[in-house]
C-alpha atoms as a PDB file:
ATOM      1  CA  MET A   1      29.199 -36.602  42.793  1.00  0.00           C
ATOM      2  CA  ALA A   2      28.504 -35.556  39.397  1.00  0.00           C
ATOM      3  CA  ASP A   3      24.963 -35.854  38.253  1.00  0.00           C
ATOM      4  CA  HIS A   4      24.137 -38.134  36.038  1.00  0.00           C
ATOM      5  CA  ARG A   5      21.364 -35.535  34.069  1.00  0.00           C
ATOM      6  CA  ILE A   6      24.311 -33.447  32.761  1.00  0.00           C
ATOM      7  CA  PRO A   7      26.678 -34.574  30.176  1.00  0.00           C
ATOM      8  CA  ASP A   8      30.306 -33.879  29.775  1.00  0.00           C
ATOM      9  CA  ALA A   9      31.916 -30.632  29.028  1.00  0.00           C
ATOM     10  CA  LEU A  10      31.990 -32.354  24.830  1.00  0.00           C
ATOM     11  CA  ALA A  11      28.395 -33.766  24.828  1.00  0.00           C
ATOM     12  CA  MET A  12      27.717 -30.808  26.336  1.00  0.00           C
ATOM     13  CA  ARG A  13      28.812 -29.064  23.068  1.00  0.00           C
ATOM     14  CA  HIS A  14      27.117 -31.397  20.420  1.00  0.00           C
ATOM     15  CA  LEU A  15      23.693 -30.811  22.269  1.00  0.00           C
ATOM     16  CA  ARG A  16      24.546 -26.763  21.416  1.00  0.00           C
ATOM     17  CA  THR A  17      26.009 -27.463  17.960  1.00  0.00           C
ATOM     18  CA  ARG A  18      24.299 -30.748  16.570  1.00  0.00           C
ATOM     19  CA  SER A  19      20.445 -31.204  16.235  1.00  0.00           C
ATOM     20  CA  ALA A  20      19.696 -32.740  19.494  1.00  0.00           C
ATOM     21  CA  PRO A  21      15.853 -33.200  20.173  1.00  0.00           C
ATOM     22  CA  GLU A  22      14.573 -30.549  22.267  1.00  0.00           C
ATOM     23  CA  ALA A  23      13.626 -32.949  24.899  1.00  0.00           C
ATOM     24  CA  GLU A  24      17.107 -33.837  25.480  1.00  0.00           C
ATOM     25  CA  ARG A  25      18.150 -29.823  25.311  1.00  0.00           C
ATOM     26  CA  GLU A  26      15.045 -29.492  27.647  1.00  0.00           C
ATOM     27  CA  GLN A  27      15.939 -32.230  30.138  1.00  0.00           C
ATOM     28  CA  VAL A  28      20.271 -31.070  30.040  1.00  0.00           C
ATOM     29  CA  ALA A  29      19.040 -27.484  30.794  1.00  0.00           C
ATOM     30  CA  ALA A  30      16.330 -28.570  33.626  1.00  0.00           C
ATOM     31  CA  ALA A  31      19.141 -30.284  35.377  1.00  0.00           C
ATOM     32  CA  LEU A  32      21.661 -27.118  35.058  1.00  0.00           C
ATOM     33  CA  ARG A  33      19.078 -25.259  35.982  1.00  0.00           C
ATOM     34  CA  ALA A  34      18.198 -27.165  39.557  1.00  0.00           C
ATOM     35  CA  GLN A  35      21.751 -27.027  40.044  1.00  0.00           C
ATOM     36  CA  GLY A  36      21.366 -23.018  39.525  1.00  0.00           C
ATOM     37  CA  ARG A  37      23.827 -23.286  37.107  1.00  0.00           C
ATOM     38  CA  ASN A  38      21.478 -21.224  34.644  1.00  0.00           C
ATOM     39  CA  THR A  39      23.858 -19.592  32.853  1.00  0.00           C
ATOM     40  CA  GLN A  40      25.253 -23.038  31.136  1.00  0.00           C
ATOM     41  CA  ALA A  41      21.854 -23.958  30.827  1.00  0.00           C
ATOM     42  CA  LEU A  42      21.404 -20.710  28.336  1.00  0.00           C
ATOM     43  CA  LEU A  43      23.304 -21.904  26.392  1.00  0.00           C
ATOM     44  CA  LEU A  44      20.820 -24.501  25.347  1.00  0.00           C
ATOM     45  CA  TYR A  45      18.147 -22.028  24.753  1.00  0.00           C
ATOM     46  CA  ASP A  46      20.349 -21.104  21.121  1.00  0.00           C
ATOM     47  CA  GLY A  47      17.710 -20.449  18.416  1.00  0.00           C
ATOM     48  CA  ARG A  48      14.733 -20.891  20.436  1.00  0.00           C
ATOM     49  CA  THR A  49      14.158 -17.323  22.196  1.00  0.00           C
ATOM     50  CA  ALA A  50      10.152 -17.884  21.805  1.00  0.00           C
ATOM     51  CA  HIS A  51      10.462 -20.537  25.303  1.00  0.00           C
ATOM     52  CA  PRO A  52       9.193 -19.539  27.585  1.00  0.00           C
ATOM     53  CA  ALA A  53      12.062 -19.668  29.855  1.00  0.00           C
ATOM     54  CA  LEU A  54      14.092 -17.125  28.430  1.00  0.00           C
ATOM     55  CA  ARG A  55      11.486 -14.726  29.545  1.00  0.00           C
ATOM     56  CA  GLY A  56      11.406 -16.240  33.314  1.00  0.00           C
ATOM     57  CA  GLU A  57      15.829 -15.659  32.991  1.00  0.00           C
ATOM     58  CA  LEU A  58      15.201 -12.324  31.311  1.00  0.00           C
ATOM     59  CA  GLU A  59      13.377 -11.461  34.696  1.00  0.00           C
ATOM     60  CA  GLN A  60      15.978 -13.256  37.092  1.00  0.00           C
ATOM     61  CA  ALA A  61      18.093 -11.417  35.666  1.00  0.00           C
ATOM     62  CA  ARG A  62      17.566  -7.759  36.190  1.00  0.00           C
ATOM     63  CA  ALA A  63      16.096  -7.971  38.531  1.00  0.00           C
ATOM     64  CA  ALA A  64      19.264  -9.739  40.101  1.00  0.00           C
ATOM     65  CA  GLY A  65      21.457  -7.285  38.381  1.00  0.00           C
ATOM     66  CA  GLN A  66      22.989 -10.079  36.697  1.00  0.00           C
ATOM     67  CA  THR A  67      24.435  -8.515  33.717  1.00  0.00           C
ATOM     68  CA  PHE A  68      26.651 -11.333  31.931  1.00  0.00           C
ATOM     69  CA  ARG A  69      23.558 -13.572  31.603  1.00  0.00           C
ATOM     70  CA  LEU A  70      21.196 -10.712  30.471  1.00  0.00           C
ATOM     71  CA  LEU A  71      23.923  -9.891  27.705  1.00  0.00           C
ATOM     72  CA  THR A  72      23.856 -13.321  27.380  1.00  0.00           C
ATOM     73  CA  LEU A  73      20.663 -13.303  26.289  1.00  0.00           C
ATOM     74  CA  ARG A  74      20.461 -10.705  23.988  1.00  0.00           C
ATOM     75  CA  ARG A  75      23.186 -12.801  22.239  1.00  0.00           C
ATOM     76  CA  LEU A  76      20.953 -15.686  22.000  1.00  0.00           C
ATOM     77  CA  GLY A  77      17.966 -12.898  20.094  1.00  0.00           C
ATOM     78  CA  LEU A  78      16.470 -12.231  22.801  1.00  0.00           C
ATOM     79  CA  ALA A  79      14.961  -8.597  23.307  1.00  0.00           C
ATOM     80  CA  VAL A  80      16.251  -6.677  25.606  1.00  0.00           C
ATOM     81  CA  SER A  81      15.831  -3.276  25.821  1.00  0.00           C
ATOM     82  CA  GLU A  82      17.765  -0.242  27.167  1.00  0.00           C
ATOM     83  CA  ALA A  83      15.008  -0.164  30.180  1.00  0.00           C
ATOM     84  CA  ASP A  84      16.166  -3.543  30.991  1.00  0.00           C
ATOM     85  CA  LEU A  85      20.111  -3.073  30.385  1.00  0.00           C
ATOM     86  CA  ARG A  86      18.919  -0.256  32.478  1.00  0.00           C
ATOM     87  CA  ALA A  87      17.442  -1.674  35.603  1.00  0.00           C
ATOM     88  CA  CYS A  88      19.822  -4.414  35.780  1.00  0.00           C
ATOM     89  CA  ALA A  89      22.746  -1.463  35.783  1.00  0.00           C
ATOM     90  CA  GLU A  90      20.687  -0.222  39.145  1.00  0.00           C
ATOM     91  CA  ALA A  91      19.726  -2.923  40.662  1.00  0.00           C
ATOM     92  CA  ALA A  92      23.826  -4.477  40.354  1.00  0.00           C
ATOM     93  CA  GLU A  93      24.063  -0.944  42.014  1.00  0.00           C
ATOM     94  CA  GLN A  94      22.142  -1.846  45.146  1.00  0.00           C
ATOM     95  CA  VAL A  95      23.945  -4.244  45.563  1.00  0.00           C
ATOM     96  CA  GLY A  96      27.204  -3.048  45.341  1.00  0.00           C
ATOM     97  CA  ARG A  97      28.648  -5.558  41.927  1.00  0.00           C
ATOM     98  CA  ALA A  98      30.178  -1.398  40.258  1.00  0.00           C
ATOM     99  CA  LEU A  99      31.744  -3.909  37.938  1.00  0.00           C
ATOM    100  CA  GLU A 100      27.646  -5.255  36.611  1.00  0.00           C
ATOM    101  CA  ALA A 101      26.535  -1.976  36.407  1.00  0.00           C
ATOM    102  CA  ARG A 102      29.728  -0.807  34.222  1.00  0.00           C
ATOM    103  CA  LEU A 103      29.098  -3.594  32.274  1.00  0.00           C
ATOM    104  CA  ALA A 104      25.641  -2.502  31.373  1.00  0.00           C
ATOM    105  CA  TYR A 105      26.000   0.969  31.116  1.00  0.00           C
ATOM    106  CA  VAL A 106      28.905   0.638  28.631  1.00  0.00           C
ATOM    107  CA  ALA A 107      25.888  -1.836  26.766  1.00  0.00           C
ATOM    108  CA  VAL A 108      23.717   1.574  26.838  1.00  0.00           C
ATOM    109  CA  GLY A 109      26.289   3.544  25.513  1.00  0.00           C
ATOM    110  CA  ASP A 110      25.521   5.631  28.680  1.00  0.00           C
ATOM    111  CA  THR A 111      28.993   7.643  29.842  1.00  0.00           C
ATOM    112  CA  GLU A 112      27.878   9.876  32.041  1.00  0.00           C
ATOM    113  CA  ALA A 113      26.472   6.872  33.979  1.00  0.00           C
ATOM    114  CA  VAL A 114      29.595   5.130  34.158  1.00  0.00           C
ATOM    115  CA  ARG A 115      31.599   8.784  35.161  1.00  0.00           C
ATOM    116  CA  ALA A 116      29.311   8.737  37.868  1.00  0.00           C
ATOM    117  CA  LEU A 117      30.558   5.184  39.158  1.00  0.00           C
ATOM    118  CA  GLY A 118      34.055   5.805  38.789  1.00  0.00           C
ATOM    119  CA  ILE A 119      34.151   5.777  42.187  1.00  0.00           C
ATOM    120  CA  GLN A 120      34.007   2.443  42.684  1.00  0.00           C
ATOM    121  CA  LEU A 121      35.436   1.027  40.070  1.00  0.00           C
ATOM    122  CA  PRO A 122      39.649  -0.633  40.172  1.00  0.00           C
ATOM    123  CA  GLU A 123      41.972   1.962  38.731  1.00  0.00           C
ATOM    124  CA  SER A 124      42.096   0.671  35.086  1.00  0.00           C
ATOM    125  CA  LEU A 125      38.737   0.745  34.965  1.00  0.00           C
ATOM    126  CA  ARG A 126      37.757   4.553  35.646  1.00  0.00           C
ATOM    127  CA  PRO A 127      36.727   7.029  33.138  1.00  0.00           C
ATOM    128  CA  PRO A 128      39.090   9.218  32.382  1.00  0.00           C
ATOM    129  CA  PRO A 129      37.574  13.000  34.057  1.00  0.00           C
ATOM    130  CA  PRO A 130      36.098  15.065  31.182  1.00  0.00           C
ATOM    131  CA  PRO A 131      37.965  18.002  29.294  1.00  0.00           C
ATOM    132  CA  ALA A 132      38.611  20.865  30.419  1.00  0.00           C
ATOM    133  CA  PRO A 133      36.916  23.809  28.897  1.00  0.00           C
ATOM    134  CA  PRO A 134      38.855  25.692  26.451  1.00  0.00           C
ATOM    135  CA  ALA A 135      40.118  28.789  27.708  1.00  0.00           C
ATOM    136  CA  PRO A 136      39.685  31.889  26.173  1.00  0.00           C
ATOM    137  CA  PRO A 137      41.572  32.992  23.699  1.00  0.00           C
ATOM    138  CA  ALA A 138      43.683  35.372  24.437  1.00  0.00           C
ATOM    139  CA  THR A 139      43.365  39.408  23.783  1.00  0.00           C
ATOM    140  CA  THR A 140      46.331  41.708  22.264  1.00  0.00           C
ATOM    141  CA  THR A 141      45.997  44.800  22.125  1.00  0.00           C
ATOM    142  CA  THR A 142      48.530  47.254  19.717  1.00  0.00           C
ATOM    143  CA  ARG A 143      49.572  50.046  19.808  1.00  0.00           C
END
């Protein structure tokens, strides 16, 4: 059964893109969070990075290893540090979500950590092996 407090997709778009009252955005965001739809609720905080709910979202996403939510917060303008992303990656690894961990490590540019995850990743996402060291130069003797 649909929750009457949550508008349809078109109304949600209007809430996000038009100048809807903050109270209305807040009410819909609370209804979405109550149903566990936190990522959708985040979109209603666009432009309001000082909102206390976003700090809580950051803490939850980091602790749960939910890199997508963390990167969504960063796109919304919240300061997400490299340490936050690394903690998120470690949490994702602990619960066996290698793709989430890979996403966080790629976001911080840690190719070694991605390489270490390699065996857990699907073949198409495994990093190539490191290049072989160059062969020593051939010595020639002339007579």
